[in-house]
Structures are given as structure tokens and as C-alpha cells.
Amino acid sequence: MKVVNAVMLGITTLLTATVQAGTVKVYAAASLSNALTDISKLYQTQYPQTKVVPVFAASSALAKQIEAGATSDIYFSADFDWMDYLVKKKKINRMQVQPFLLNQLVVVSPIQMNIPFQAKPQFNFAGSFQGHLCTGQMESVPAGKYAKQSLIKLGWLDDLKGRIVGTDDVRATLAFVERGECSVGIVYKTDALISQKVKIIGTFSANTHQPIIYPMALTLQGMSNKEAIQFERYVRTNSKAKQVFQRYGFVLKQ
């Protein structure tokens, strides 16, 4: 009887392992949190045997983790710099890199405040508000790098010295502004749209910063994970997945 039970237990274990086919670990920019979480749920409804595990943070932090050996099948960055970094570190094959989404850079304030804004060099941005400006860390976080480019292009950066708070990622910036700890913040349009506590007071012209392009790629590890290959293809090509991105304000790269 014990032998029979042992055999049955072995068969059950084998069947369970077959049903639970595998895990896909996705390292994605913080600004993708809502959209990619929704898409992962849609995918797992259609493919319940696959577990999608998204990890969200600044593209810079995620790239450093992958470089250090973190388990990741897909990397979805908010800029090309950190994707190129991982290509150079031989964690991603350049042939896998595909530009996928576009975004815009906006200025937000707490919804109850009335702060004027004009994206023109002659506008006195530093004098238009009191307190601090929040954005991603300007030397590493993509949103902060784009913000720095725009502030330099418009000639505003020097006047804001001592008043800029660098955050770990764009969602942290949004939280600072929501709590009123920063009077204004520079974030992506998609982040501003999900908040009921902030309002967009202006948009930086695309000619003030590098194009905000989100590339996606399978890591070297992901290239040998058939579930990761299938999920990455789903994110890029499935019509429902595309609709989710568009609903959150992303523009699909043609």
C-alpha cells in the first residue's frame, strides 16, 4: 500500500510540475507599473500555467541588479541608455532590443495649487512657485535625465539649484507631489494621469529633451525561457495589451 501511495504521489507531483509550466520575471520601469500589471493579469487568464512576476523600479536600479546577476527574463526600460548599458555588459543581445512605447514629460502640482507654467526660456519658472521641485535623480533615473535636459535647454536649471529633490524613481516623485512635500514635480504624462491628487500644469516640448522611448528586450536568460519568449511577444503584438498601454496614455512606437 505504501508503494502504491508513493507511486501516486510521484504521478501527482509530475502532473503539478507539468501544469505549473514556468515563471517569467519582468524587470520594468516604475512608470510601467499599472499598465504592465494589468497586462500580466490578462496574460495569466489566458495562460494560467505561467506565472508572470513583474519587478518595478527605476530603469537604472533594475539594470544594475541585472548586471549583478539578478534573475530576470525581460528588461523594459524608460530609456535607451540603460538598455545599451546592459548590452555592453553582455546581459542582453542587441538584436533583441526593440523600441516600443513613447511618453511625454510634464510638470505637475498638487491639485489645490495654482502655479502658472510656460515652456519658454523667458518664463521665470523658479519664481512661479515656492518650495521644492521633485524629479528622478538627474544623473541616473531616466525621468530625471530628461528633466535635466529640458531645464538646461530652457535655461532654468541654475535658478533652481538648492531646490531640486532627486527621487529614486518617477513614482516616488509623484508621491512627493501628492503629499505636498514638493510644490511641483517633473514626471511622465502617464504617471500624472493615474493620480487624483495632482494636475498637469504644463508639458515640455519634445525638442527640449531626447525622445522618451521605452525599449524592451529578452535578457540572455530570457532567451532560453519559452514562457518569457511567449510573454514578450504577447506584450508587443496582442491587441488587448496594446489597448492597455494606450489607456494609460502611452503611445505605441510605429
C-alpha atoms as a PDB file:
ATOM      1  CA  MET A   1       0.000   0.000   0.000  1.00  0.00           C
ATOM      2  CA  LYS A   2       2.842   2.358   0.829  1.00  0.00           C
ATOM      3  CA  VAL A   3       4.400   1.611  -2.576  1.00  0.00           C
ATOM      4  CA  VAL A   4       1.112   2.447  -4.337  1.00  0.00           C
ATOM      5  CA  ASN A   5       0.781   5.679  -2.386  1.00  0.00           C
ATOM      6  CA  ALA A   6       4.352   6.614  -3.219  1.00  0.00           C
ATOM      7  CA  VAL A   7       3.719   5.976  -6.924  1.00  0.00           C
ATOM      8  CA  MET A   8       0.515   8.043  -6.836  1.00  0.00           C
ATOM      9  CA  LEU A   9       2.335  10.862  -5.036  1.00  0.00           C
ATOM     10  CA  GLY A  10       5.030  10.808  -7.699  1.00  0.00           C
ATOM     11  CA  ILE A  11       2.452  10.975 -10.501  1.00  0.00           C
ATOM     12  CA  THR A  12       0.640  13.864  -8.778  1.00  0.00           C
ATOM     13  CA  THR A  13       3.913  15.759  -8.359  1.00  0.00           C
ATOM     14  CA  LEU A  14       4.777  15.217 -12.010  1.00  0.00           C
ATOM     15  CA  LEU A  15       1.360  16.446 -13.160  1.00  0.00           C
ATOM     16  CA  THR A  16       1.599  19.507 -10.917  1.00  0.00           C
ATOM     17  CA  ALA A  17       5.019  20.357 -12.301  1.00  0.00           C
ATOM     18  CA  THR A  18       3.624  19.982 -15.839  1.00  0.00           C
ATOM     19  CA  VAL A  19       0.668  22.309 -15.144  1.00  0.00           C
ATOM     20  CA  GLN A  20       2.816  24.947 -13.455  1.00  0.00           C
ATOM     21  CA  ALA A  21       4.960  25.362 -16.549  1.00  0.00           C
ATOM     22  CA  GLY A  22       7.152  28.245 -15.538  1.00  0.00           C
ATOM     23  CA  THR A  23       7.797  31.742 -14.307  1.00  0.00           C
ATOM     24  CA  VAL A  24       8.533  34.903 -16.278  1.00  0.00           C
ATOM     25  CA  LYS A  25      10.347  37.606 -14.338  1.00  0.00           C
ATOM     26  CA  VAL A  26       9.978  41.065 -15.862  1.00  0.00           C
ATOM     27  CA  TYR A  27      12.145  43.985 -14.752  1.00  0.00           C
ATOM     28  CA  ALA A  28      10.282  47.127 -15.829  1.00  0.00           C
ATOM     29  CA  ALA A  29      10.481  50.886 -15.328  1.00  0.00           C
ATOM     30  CA  ALA A  30       8.335  52.192 -12.461  1.00  0.00           C
ATOM     31  CA  SER A  31       6.215  54.216 -14.885  1.00  0.00           C
ATOM     32  CA  LEU A  32       5.007  50.936 -16.411  1.00  0.00           C
ATOM     33  CA  SER A  33       3.628  49.605 -13.106  1.00  0.00           C
ATOM     34  CA  ASN A  34      -0.100  49.964 -13.754  1.00  0.00           C
ATOM     35  CA  ALA A  35      -0.112  49.034 -17.431  1.00  0.00           C
ATOM     36  CA  LEU A  36       2.167  46.026 -17.135  1.00  0.00           C
ATOM     37  CA  THR A  37       0.367  44.731 -14.033  1.00  0.00           C
ATOM     38  CA  ASP A  38      -2.929  44.809 -15.944  1.00  0.00           C
ATOM     39  CA  ILE A  39      -1.364  43.109 -18.961  1.00  0.00           C
ATOM     40  CA  SER A  40       0.187  40.406 -16.768  1.00  0.00           C
ATOM     41  CA  LYS A  41      -3.254  39.634 -15.315  1.00  0.00           C
ATOM     42  CA  LEU A  42      -4.772  39.428 -18.789  1.00  0.00           C
ATOM     43  CA  TYR A  43      -1.998  37.100 -19.888  1.00  0.00           C
ATOM     44  CA  GLN A  44      -2.306  34.792 -16.890  1.00  0.00           C
ATOM     45  CA  THR A  45      -6.050  34.493 -17.501  1.00  0.00           C
ATOM     46  CA  GLN A  46      -5.252  33.159 -20.954  1.00  0.00           C
ATOM     47  CA  TYR A  47      -2.158  31.172 -19.887  1.00  0.00           C
ATOM     48  CA  PRO A  48      -2.765  30.143 -16.249  1.00  0.00           C
ATOM     49  CA  GLN A  49       0.167  27.729 -16.324  1.00  0.00           C
ATOM     50  CA  THR A  50       2.590  30.677 -16.499  1.00  0.00           C
ATOM     51  CA  LYS A  51       3.358  32.945 -13.559  1.00  0.00           C
ATOM     52  CA  VAL A  52       4.394  36.477 -14.523  1.00  0.00           C
ATOM     53  CA  VAL A  53       6.407  38.241 -11.817  1.00  0.00           C
ATOM     54  CA  PRO A  54       6.906  41.968 -12.544  1.00  0.00           C
ATOM     55  CA  VAL A  55       9.551  43.918 -10.637  1.00  0.00           C
ATOM     56  CA  PHE A  56       9.192  47.717 -10.856  1.00  0.00           C
ATOM     57  CA  ALA A  57      11.822  50.349 -10.058  1.00  0.00           C
ATOM     58  CA  ALA A  58      13.941  52.964 -11.808  1.00  0.00           C
ATOM     59  CA  SER A  59      15.435  51.634 -15.044  1.00  0.00           C
ATOM     60  CA  SER A  60      18.874  52.460 -13.635  1.00  0.00           C
ATOM     61  CA  ALA A  61      18.372  50.419 -10.457  1.00  0.00           C
ATOM     62  CA  LEU A  62      16.996  47.448 -12.389  1.00  0.00           C
ATOM     63  CA  ALA A  63      19.881  47.499 -14.870  1.00  0.00           C
ATOM     64  CA  LYS A  64      22.381  47.447 -12.008  1.00  0.00           C
ATOM     65  CA  GLN A  65      20.553  44.497 -10.431  1.00  0.00           C
ATOM     66  CA  ILE A  66      20.610  42.558 -13.700  1.00  0.00           C
ATOM     67  CA  GLU A  67      24.296  43.351 -14.115  1.00  0.00           C
ATOM     68  CA  ALA A  68      24.897  41.977 -10.608  1.00  0.00           C
ATOM     69  CA  GLY A  69      23.241  38.679 -11.552  1.00  0.00           C
ATOM     70  CA  ALA A  70      19.594  39.138 -10.586  1.00  0.00           C
ATOM     71  CA  THR A  71      17.205  36.657 -12.174  1.00  0.00           C
ATOM     72  CA  SER A  72      15.382  38.429 -14.992  1.00  0.00           C
ATOM     73  CA  ASP A  73      13.845  37.273 -18.271  1.00  0.00           C
ATOM     74  CA  ILE A  74      12.709  40.606 -19.736  1.00  0.00           C
ATOM     75  CA  TYR A  75      14.009  44.146 -19.287  1.00  0.00           C
ATOM     76  CA  PHE A  76      11.650  47.041 -20.127  1.00  0.00           C
ATOM     77  CA  SER A  77      13.474  50.370 -19.793  1.00  0.00           C
ATOM     78  CA  ALA A  78      12.312  54.000 -19.881  1.00  0.00           C
ATOM     79  CA  ASP A  79      15.316  54.971 -21.991  1.00  0.00           C
ATOM     80  CA  PHE A  80      17.905  53.531 -24.352  1.00  0.00           C
ATOM     81  CA  ASP A  81      20.906  54.448 -22.188  1.00  0.00           C
ATOM     82  CA  TRP A  82      20.314  51.730 -19.610  1.00  0.00           C
ATOM     83  CA  MET A  83      19.353  49.203 -22.270  1.00  0.00           C
ATOM     84  CA  ASP A  84      22.643  49.942 -24.049  1.00  0.00           C
ATOM     85  CA  TYR A  85      24.406  49.595 -20.696  1.00  0.00           C
ATOM     86  CA  LEU A  86      23.181  46.008 -20.364  1.00  0.00           C
ATOM     87  CA  VAL A  87      24.041  45.259 -23.983  1.00  0.00           C
ATOM     88  CA  LYS A  88      27.619  46.393 -23.288  1.00  0.00           C
ATOM     89  CA  LYS A  89      27.658  44.286 -20.114  1.00  0.00           C
ATOM     90  CA  LYS A  90      26.634  41.288 -22.266  1.00  0.00           C
ATOM     91  CA  LYS A  91      23.407  40.729 -20.347  1.00  0.00           C
ATOM     92  CA  ILE A  92      21.248  41.453 -23.402  1.00  0.00           C
ATOM     93  CA  ASN A  93      21.766  40.668 -27.089  1.00  0.00           C
ATOM     94  CA  ARG A  94      21.428  43.872 -29.119  1.00  0.00           C
ATOM     95  CA  MET A  95      19.335  42.016 -31.698  1.00  0.00           C
ATOM     96  CA  GLN A  96      16.658  41.545 -29.014  1.00  0.00           C
ATOM     97  CA  VAL A  97      16.217  45.284 -28.338  1.00  0.00           C
ATOM     98  CA  GLN A  98      13.072  46.816 -29.784  1.00  0.00           C
ATOM     99  CA  PRO A  99      11.759  50.369 -29.247  1.00  0.00           C
ATOM    100  CA  PHE A 100       8.146  50.008 -28.236  1.00  0.00           C
ATOM    101  CA  LEU A 101       6.485  52.918 -26.395  1.00  0.00           C
ATOM    102  CA  LEU A 102       6.627  56.717 -26.345  1.00  0.00           C
ATOM    103  CA  ASN A 103       5.848  59.107 -23.494  1.00  0.00           C
ATOM    104  CA  GLN A 104       5.765  62.822 -22.697  1.00  0.00           C
ATOM    105  CA  LEU A 105       7.418  64.887 -19.973  1.00  0.00           C
ATOM    106  CA  VAL A 106       5.051  67.055 -17.926  1.00  0.00           C
ATOM    107  CA  VAL A 107       5.064  69.342 -14.913  1.00  0.00           C
ATOM    108  CA  VAL A 108       2.587  68.586 -12.119  1.00  0.00           C
ATOM    109  CA  SER A 109       1.500  70.283  -8.914  1.00  0.00           C
ATOM    110  CA  PRO A 110      -0.881  69.364  -6.070  1.00  0.00           C
ATOM    111  CA  ILE A 111      -4.406  69.745  -7.416  1.00  0.00           C
ATOM    112  CA  GLN A 112      -5.320  72.555  -4.998  1.00  0.00           C
ATOM    113  CA  MET A 113      -2.412  74.799  -6.022  1.00  0.00           C
ATOM    114  CA  ASN A 114      -2.473  77.334  -8.860  1.00  0.00           C
ATOM    115  CA  ILE A 115       1.011  77.554 -10.315  1.00  0.00           C
ATOM    116  CA  PRO A 116       1.496  79.147 -13.745  1.00  0.00           C
ATOM    117  CA  PHE A 117       3.722  77.473 -16.336  1.00  0.00           C
ATOM    118  CA  GLN A 118       5.001  78.252 -19.807  1.00  0.00           C
ATOM    119  CA  ALA A 119       7.630  76.121 -21.520  1.00  0.00           C
ATOM    120  CA  LYS A 120       9.501  79.186 -22.815  1.00  0.00           C
ATOM    121  CA  PRO A 121      13.017  80.383 -21.942  1.00  0.00           C
ATOM    122  CA  GLN A 122      11.735  83.813 -20.920  1.00  0.00           C
ATOM    123  CA  PHE A 123       9.295  82.357 -18.381  1.00  0.00           C
ATOM    124  CA  ASN A 124      10.520  82.670 -14.765  1.00  0.00           C
ATOM    125  CA  PHE A 125       9.879  79.083 -13.712  1.00  0.00           C
ATOM    126  CA  ALA A 126      11.886  79.302 -10.472  1.00  0.00           C
ATOM    127  CA  GLY A 127       9.861  82.337  -9.419  1.00  0.00           C
ATOM    128  CA  SER A 128       6.493  80.793 -10.278  1.00  0.00           C
ATOM    129  CA  PHE A 129       6.372  78.608  -7.152  1.00  0.00           C
ATOM    130  CA  GLN A 130       7.717  78.364  -3.630  1.00  0.00           C
ATOM    131  CA  GLY A 131       9.322  75.282  -2.139  1.00  0.00           C
ATOM    132  CA  HIS A 132      10.921  72.368  -3.930  1.00  0.00           C
ATOM    133  CA  LEU A 133      10.809  70.696  -7.322  1.00  0.00           C
ATOM    134  CA  CYS A 134      10.886  66.893  -7.401  1.00  0.00           C
ATOM    135  CA  THR A 135      12.027  64.656 -10.222  1.00  0.00           C
ATOM    136  CA  GLY A 136      14.046  61.485 -10.624  1.00  0.00           C
ATOM    137  CA  GLN A 137      17.734  61.616  -9.743  1.00  0.00           C
ATOM    138  CA  MET A 138      19.124  63.605 -12.645  1.00  0.00           C
ATOM    139  CA  GLU A 139      22.305  61.603 -13.163  1.00  0.00           C
ATOM    140  CA  SER A 140      20.704  58.170 -13.362  1.00  0.00           C
ATOM    141  CA  VAL A 141      16.888  57.906 -13.353  1.00  0.00           C
ATOM    142  CA  PRO A 142      15.556  58.378 -16.922  1.00  0.00           C
ATOM    143  CA  ALA A 143      12.767  60.814 -15.933  1.00  0.00           C
ATOM    144  CA  GLY A 144      15.333  62.922 -14.086  1.00  0.00           C
ATOM    145  CA  LYS A 145      17.730  62.842 -17.014  1.00  0.00           C
ATOM    146  CA  TYR A 146      15.006  64.025 -19.385  1.00  0.00           C
ATOM    147  CA  ALA A 147      14.021  66.702 -16.855  1.00  0.00           C
ATOM    148  CA  LYS A 148      17.594  67.959 -16.596  1.00  0.00           C
ATOM    149  CA  GLN A 149      17.850  68.190 -20.386  1.00  0.00           C
ATOM    150  CA  SER A 150      14.678  70.302 -20.543  1.00  0.00           C
ATOM    151  CA  LEU A 151      15.701  72.574 -17.670  1.00  0.00           C
ATOM    152  CA  ILE A 152      19.083  73.192 -19.299  1.00  0.00           C
ATOM    153  CA  LYS A 153      17.529  73.767 -22.728  1.00  0.00           C
ATOM    154  CA  LEU A 154      15.153  76.379 -21.290  1.00  0.00           C
ATOM    155  CA  GLY A 155      17.885  77.987 -19.184  1.00  0.00           C
ATOM    156  CA  TRP A 156      16.136  77.248 -15.866  1.00  0.00           C
ATOM    157  CA  LEU A 157      18.466  74.813 -14.108  1.00  0.00           C
ATOM    158  CA  ASP A 158      20.822  77.296 -12.429  1.00  0.00           C
ATOM    159  CA  ASP A 159      17.966  79.291 -10.884  1.00  0.00           C
ATOM    160  CA  LEU A 160      16.607  76.084  -9.290  1.00  0.00           C
ATOM    161  CA  LYS A 161      19.818  74.960  -7.613  1.00  0.00           C
ATOM    162  CA  GLY A 162      19.241  74.007  -3.987  1.00  0.00           C
ATOM    163  CA  ARG A 163      15.526  73.464  -4.608  1.00  0.00           C
ATOM    164  CA  ILE A 164      15.607  70.212  -6.612  1.00  0.00           C
ATOM    165  CA  VAL A 165      14.848  66.926  -4.844  1.00  0.00           C
ATOM    166  CA  GLY A 166      16.070  63.826  -6.676  1.00  0.00           C
ATOM    167  CA  THR A 167      13.945  60.712  -6.118  1.00  0.00           C
ATOM    168  CA  ASP A 168      14.585  57.010  -6.634  1.00  0.00           C
ATOM    169  CA  ASP A 169      12.051  56.745  -9.466  1.00  0.00           C
ATOM    170  CA  VAL A 170       9.210  58.609 -11.129  1.00  0.00           C
ATOM    171  CA  ARG A 171       6.531  57.114  -8.863  1.00  0.00           C
ATOM    172  CA  ALA A 172       8.396  58.424  -5.825  1.00  0.00           C
ATOM    173  CA  THR A 173       8.334  61.874  -7.427  1.00  0.00           C
ATOM    174  CA  LEU A 174       4.592  61.581  -7.913  1.00  0.00           C
ATOM    175  CA  ALA A 175       4.126  60.597  -4.253  1.00  0.00           C
ATOM    176  CA  PHE A 176       6.136  63.617  -3.037  1.00  0.00           C
ATOM    177  CA  VAL A 177       3.916  65.982  -5.017  1.00  0.00           C
ATOM    178  CA  GLU A 178       0.725  64.201  -3.942  1.00  0.00           C
ATOM    179  CA  ARG A 179       1.701  64.723  -0.299  1.00  0.00           C
ATOM    180  CA  GLY A 180       2.575  68.369  -0.922  1.00  0.00           C
ATOM    181  CA  GLU A 181       6.213  67.829   0.041  1.00  0.00           C
ATOM    182  CA  CYS A 182       7.192  69.230  -3.341  1.00  0.00           C
ATOM    183  CA  SER A 183       5.294  72.118  -4.911  1.00  0.00           C
ATOM    184  CA  VAL A 184       5.978  70.866  -8.416  1.00  0.00           C
ATOM    185  CA  GLY A 185       7.258  67.682  -9.991  1.00  0.00           C
ATOM    186  CA  ILE A 186       8.521  66.619 -13.385  1.00  0.00           C
ATOM    187  CA  VAL A 187       7.119  63.229 -14.346  1.00  0.00           C
ATOM    188  CA  TYR A 188       5.827  61.356 -17.366  1.00  0.00           C
ATOM    189  CA  LYS A 189       2.357  62.138 -18.643  1.00  0.00           C
ATOM    190  CA  THR A 190       1.296  58.542 -17.956  1.00  0.00           C
ATOM    191  CA  ASP A 191       2.153  58.892 -14.252  1.00  0.00           C
ATOM    192  CA  ALA A 192       0.299  62.186 -13.908  1.00  0.00           C
ATOM    193  CA  LEU A 193      -2.824  60.675 -15.454  1.00  0.00           C
ATOM    194  CA  ILE A 194      -3.173  57.948 -12.821  1.00  0.00           C
ATOM    195  CA  SER A 195      -3.231  60.363  -9.871  1.00  0.00           C
ATOM    196  CA  GLN A 196      -6.312  62.074  -8.478  1.00  0.00           C
ATOM    197  CA  LYS A 197      -4.163  64.342  -6.289  1.00  0.00           C
ATOM    198  CA  VAL A 198      -2.057  66.167  -8.874  1.00  0.00           C
ATOM    199  CA  LYS A 199      -2.747  68.109 -12.030  1.00  0.00           C
ATOM    200  CA  ILE A 200      -0.691  68.720 -15.142  1.00  0.00           C
ATOM    201  CA  ILE A 201       0.244  72.394 -15.342  1.00  0.00           C
ATOM    202  CA  GLY A 202       2.376  72.114 -18.465  1.00  0.00           C
ATOM    203  CA  THR A 203       4.195  69.916 -20.950  1.00  0.00           C
ATOM    204  CA  PHE A 204       7.814  70.157 -22.048  1.00  0.00           C
ATOM    205  CA  SER A 205       8.178  70.382 -25.797  1.00  0.00           C
ATOM    206  CA  ALA A 206       9.765  67.297 -27.360  1.00  0.00           C
ATOM    207  CA  ASN A 207      12.605  69.464 -28.692  1.00  0.00           C
ATOM    208  CA  THR A 208      13.805  70.235 -25.137  1.00  0.00           C
ATOM    209  CA  HIS A 209      14.859  66.643 -24.373  1.00  0.00           C
ATOM    210  CA  GLN A 210      15.807  63.376 -26.030  1.00  0.00           C
ATOM    211  CA  PRO A 211      12.857  61.329 -27.333  1.00  0.00           C
ATOM    212  CA  ILE A 212      11.236  59.387 -24.471  1.00  0.00           C
ATOM    213  CA  ILE A 213      11.344  55.900 -25.913  1.00  0.00           C
ATOM    214  CA  TYR A 214      10.779  52.671 -23.975  1.00  0.00           C
ATOM    215  CA  PRO A 215      12.725  49.728 -25.415  1.00  0.00           C
ATOM    216  CA  MET A 216      12.051  46.143 -24.365  1.00  0.00           C
ATOM    217  CA  ALA A 217      14.253  43.063 -24.689  1.00  0.00           C
ATOM    218  CA  LEU A 218      14.656  39.495 -23.560  1.00  0.00           C
ATOM    219  CA  THR A 219      17.724  39.034 -21.385  1.00  0.00           C
ATOM    220  CA  LEU A 220      20.169  36.246 -22.208  1.00  0.00           C
ATOM    221  CA  GLN A 221      18.405  34.179 -19.552  1.00  0.00           C
ATOM    222  CA  GLY A 222      15.003  35.004 -21.041  1.00  0.00           C
ATOM    223  CA  MET A 223      16.085  33.869 -24.496  1.00  0.00           C
ATOM    224  CA  SER A 224      16.149  30.307 -23.195  1.00  0.00           C
ATOM    225  CA  ASN A 225      12.796  30.583 -21.372  1.00  0.00           C
ATOM    226  CA  LYS A 226       9.972  29.694 -23.778  1.00  0.00           C
ATOM    227  CA  GLU A 227       7.362  31.268 -21.480  1.00  0.00           C
ATOM    228  CA  ALA A 228       9.348  34.524 -21.460  1.00  0.00           C
ATOM    229  CA  ILE A 229       9.577  34.489 -25.262  1.00  0.00           C
ATOM    230  CA  GLN A 230       5.827  33.975 -25.489  1.00  0.00           C
ATOM    231  CA  PHE A 231       5.001  36.711 -22.956  1.00  0.00           C
ATOM    232  CA  GLU A 232       7.331  39.235 -24.593  1.00  0.00           C
ATOM    233  CA  ARG A 233       5.639  38.561 -27.938  1.00  0.00           C
ATOM    234  CA  TYR A 234       2.217  38.949 -26.313  1.00  0.00           C
ATOM    235  CA  VAL A 235       3.146  42.338 -24.817  1.00  0.00           C
ATOM    236  CA  ARG A 236       4.393  43.580 -28.184  1.00  0.00           C
ATOM    237  CA  THR A 237       1.716  42.208 -30.505  1.00  0.00           C
ATOM    238  CA  ASN A 238      -1.519  41.426 -28.664  1.00  0.00           C
ATOM    239  CA  SER A 239      -4.279  43.948 -29.416  1.00  0.00           C
ATOM    240  CA  LYS A 240      -5.630  43.890 -25.845  1.00  0.00           C
ATOM    241  CA  ALA A 241      -2.153  44.551 -24.436  1.00  0.00           C
ATOM    242  CA  LYS A 242      -1.739  47.494 -26.801  1.00  0.00           C
ATOM    243  CA  GLN A 243      -5.106  48.878 -25.697  1.00  0.00           C
ATOM    244  CA  VAL A 244      -3.964  48.768 -22.062  1.00  0.00           C
ATOM    245  CA  PHE A 245      -0.858  50.813 -22.848  1.00  0.00           C
ATOM    246  CA  GLN A 246      -2.927  53.338 -24.776  1.00  0.00           C
ATOM    247  CA  ARG A 247      -5.495  53.575 -21.973  1.00  0.00           C
ATOM    248  CA  TYR A 248      -2.732  54.651 -19.594  1.00  0.00           C
ATOM    249  CA  GLY A 249      -1.530  57.321 -22.019  1.00  0.00           C
ATOM    250  CA  PHE A 250       1.412  55.606 -23.729  1.00  0.00           C
ATOM    251  CA  VAL A 251       1.875  55.981 -27.469  1.00  0.00           C
ATOM    252  CA  LEU A 252       2.869  52.903 -29.449  1.00  0.00           C
ATOM    253  CA  LYS A 253       6.093  53.359 -31.402  1.00  0.00           C
ATOM    254  CA  GLN A 254       5.435  52.860 -35.100  1.00  0.00           C
END
